[in-house]
N, C-alpha and C. Protein backbone atom coordinates (compact mmCIF):
# COMPACT_ATOMS: atom_id res chain seq x y z
N MET A 1 6.62 -6.35 -27.64
CA MET A 1 5.77 -6.79 -26.55
C MET A 1 5.39 -5.58 -25.70
N ASN A 2 4.13 -5.38 -25.50
CA ASN A 2 3.66 -4.27 -24.67
C ASN A 2 3.52 -4.72 -23.23
N LYS A 3 4.08 -3.94 -22.33
CA LYS A 3 3.91 -4.21 -20.90
C LYS A 3 2.95 -3.17 -20.34
N LYS A 4 2.05 -3.62 -19.53
CA LYS A 4 1.10 -2.71 -18.92
C LYS A 4 1.61 -2.29 -17.55
N VAL A 5 1.36 -1.03 -17.23
CA VAL A 5 1.78 -0.46 -15.95
C VAL A 5 0.58 0.26 -15.35
N ILE A 6 0.47 0.19 -14.05
CA ILE A 6 -0.59 0.94 -13.37
C ILE A 6 0.05 1.78 -12.26
N LEU A 7 -0.36 3.02 -12.19
CA LEU A 7 0.04 3.89 -11.09
C LEU A 7 -1.18 4.02 -10.19
N MET A 8 -1.04 3.51 -8.99
CA MET A 8 -2.16 3.50 -8.05
C MET A 8 -1.83 4.42 -6.89
N ILE A 9 -2.59 5.48 -6.75
CA ILE A 9 -2.38 6.43 -5.66
C ILE A 9 -3.52 6.26 -4.66
N LEU A 10 -3.16 5.90 -3.45
CA LEU A 10 -4.16 5.71 -2.40
C LEU A 10 -4.13 6.93 -1.49
N ASP A 11 -4.88 7.95 -1.87
CA ASP A 11 -4.91 9.19 -1.10
C ASP A 11 -5.49 8.91 0.28
N GLY A 12 -4.76 9.31 1.30
CA GLY A 12 -5.21 9.09 2.67
C GLY A 12 -4.73 7.78 3.26
N TRP A 13 -4.09 6.95 2.44
CA TRP A 13 -3.56 5.65 2.91
C TRP A 13 -2.14 5.90 3.34
N GLY A 14 -1.86 5.71 4.60
CA GLY A 14 -0.52 5.98 5.09
C GLY A 14 -0.04 4.93 6.06
N HIS A 15 1.25 4.90 6.24
CA HIS A 15 1.86 3.97 7.18
C HIS A 15 2.50 4.77 8.30
N SER A 16 2.20 4.37 9.50
CA SER A 16 2.72 5.06 10.68
C SER A 16 3.98 4.35 11.17
N PRO A 17 4.93 5.11 11.69
CA PRO A 17 6.10 4.45 12.28
C PRO A 17 5.72 3.66 13.53
N ASN A 18 4.54 3.94 14.09
CA ASN A 18 4.06 3.22 15.27
C ASN A 18 2.80 2.43 14.88
N PRO A 19 2.95 1.16 14.50
CA PRO A 19 1.79 0.39 14.02
C PRO A 19 0.72 0.16 15.08
N GLU A 20 1.05 0.34 16.35
CA GLU A 20 0.05 0.15 17.41
C GLU A 20 -1.08 1.16 17.33
N VAL A 21 -0.81 2.34 16.78
CA VAL A 21 -1.83 3.39 16.71
C VAL A 21 -2.30 3.65 15.27
N SER A 22 -1.90 2.80 14.35
CA SER A 22 -2.25 2.98 12.94
C SER A 22 -3.51 2.19 12.59
N ALA A 23 -4.56 2.87 12.20
CA ALA A 23 -5.79 2.19 11.82
C ALA A 23 -5.56 1.28 10.61
N ILE A 24 -4.75 1.72 9.67
CA ILE A 24 -4.49 0.91 8.48
C ILE A 24 -3.71 -0.35 8.83
N ASP A 25 -2.70 -0.22 9.67
CA ASP A 25 -1.92 -1.40 10.06
C ASP A 25 -2.75 -2.38 10.87
N ASN A 26 -3.76 -1.91 11.58
CA ASN A 26 -4.58 -2.78 12.42
C ASN A 26 -5.83 -3.30 11.70
N ALA A 27 -6.13 -2.76 10.53
CA ALA A 27 -7.30 -3.20 9.78
C ALA A 27 -6.97 -4.44 8.96
N GLU A 28 -8.00 -5.20 8.63
CA GLU A 28 -7.82 -6.34 7.73
C GLU A 28 -8.04 -5.84 6.31
N THR A 29 -6.97 -5.86 5.53
CA THR A 29 -7.01 -5.36 4.15
C THR A 29 -6.43 -6.42 3.21
N PRO A 30 -7.12 -7.55 3.03
CA PRO A 30 -6.55 -8.65 2.26
C PRO A 30 -6.24 -8.31 0.80
N PHE A 31 -7.08 -7.49 0.16
CA PHE A 31 -6.82 -7.17 -1.24
C PHE A 31 -5.56 -6.32 -1.37
N ILE A 32 -5.46 -5.26 -0.58
CA ILE A 32 -4.27 -4.40 -0.64
C ILE A 32 -3.03 -5.18 -0.22
N ASP A 33 -3.15 -6.01 0.81
CA ASP A 33 -2.02 -6.84 1.24
C ASP A 33 -1.54 -7.74 0.10
N SER A 34 -2.47 -8.30 -0.66
CA SER A 34 -2.08 -9.17 -1.77
C SER A 34 -1.36 -8.39 -2.87
N LEU A 35 -1.76 -7.14 -3.08
CA LEU A 35 -1.06 -6.31 -4.08
C LEU A 35 0.37 -6.03 -3.64
N TYR A 36 0.56 -5.71 -2.35
CA TYR A 36 1.90 -5.47 -1.83
C TYR A 36 2.79 -6.70 -1.97
N GLU A 37 2.22 -7.88 -1.76
CA GLU A 37 3.00 -9.11 -1.84
C GLU A 37 3.33 -9.50 -3.27
N LYS A 38 2.42 -9.24 -4.19
CA LYS A 38 2.55 -9.73 -5.56
C LYS A 38 3.31 -8.78 -6.49
N TYR A 39 3.20 -7.47 -6.28
CA TYR A 39 3.74 -6.50 -7.23
C TYR A 39 4.77 -5.58 -6.58
N PRO A 40 5.72 -5.09 -7.38
CA PRO A 40 6.67 -4.10 -6.84
C PRO A 40 5.89 -2.86 -6.39
N ASN A 41 6.40 -2.22 -5.34
CA ASN A 41 5.72 -1.03 -4.82
C ASN A 41 6.74 -0.11 -4.16
N ALA A 42 6.31 1.10 -3.95
CA ALA A 42 7.17 2.10 -3.31
C ALA A 42 6.31 2.99 -2.44
N GLU A 43 6.95 3.62 -1.49
CA GLU A 43 6.25 4.53 -0.58
C GLU A 43 6.81 5.93 -0.78
N LEU A 44 5.93 6.89 -0.94
CA LEU A 44 6.32 8.29 -1.08
C LEU A 44 6.16 8.96 0.26
N ARG A 45 7.23 9.50 0.78
CA ARG A 45 7.16 10.20 2.06
C ARG A 45 7.06 11.69 1.81
N THR A 46 6.15 12.32 2.53
CA THR A 46 5.96 13.76 2.35
C THR A 46 6.12 14.48 3.65
């Protein structure tokens, strides 16, 4: 059985420790939100 995997890199997409000043946290992003809810994900900190 073949399992498909996707590596999705969202360059410039970041999460701020302070969501009050984060444009991404304050924006409506239903598609990305659905991906976070449905699939395993990880955050790379640099």
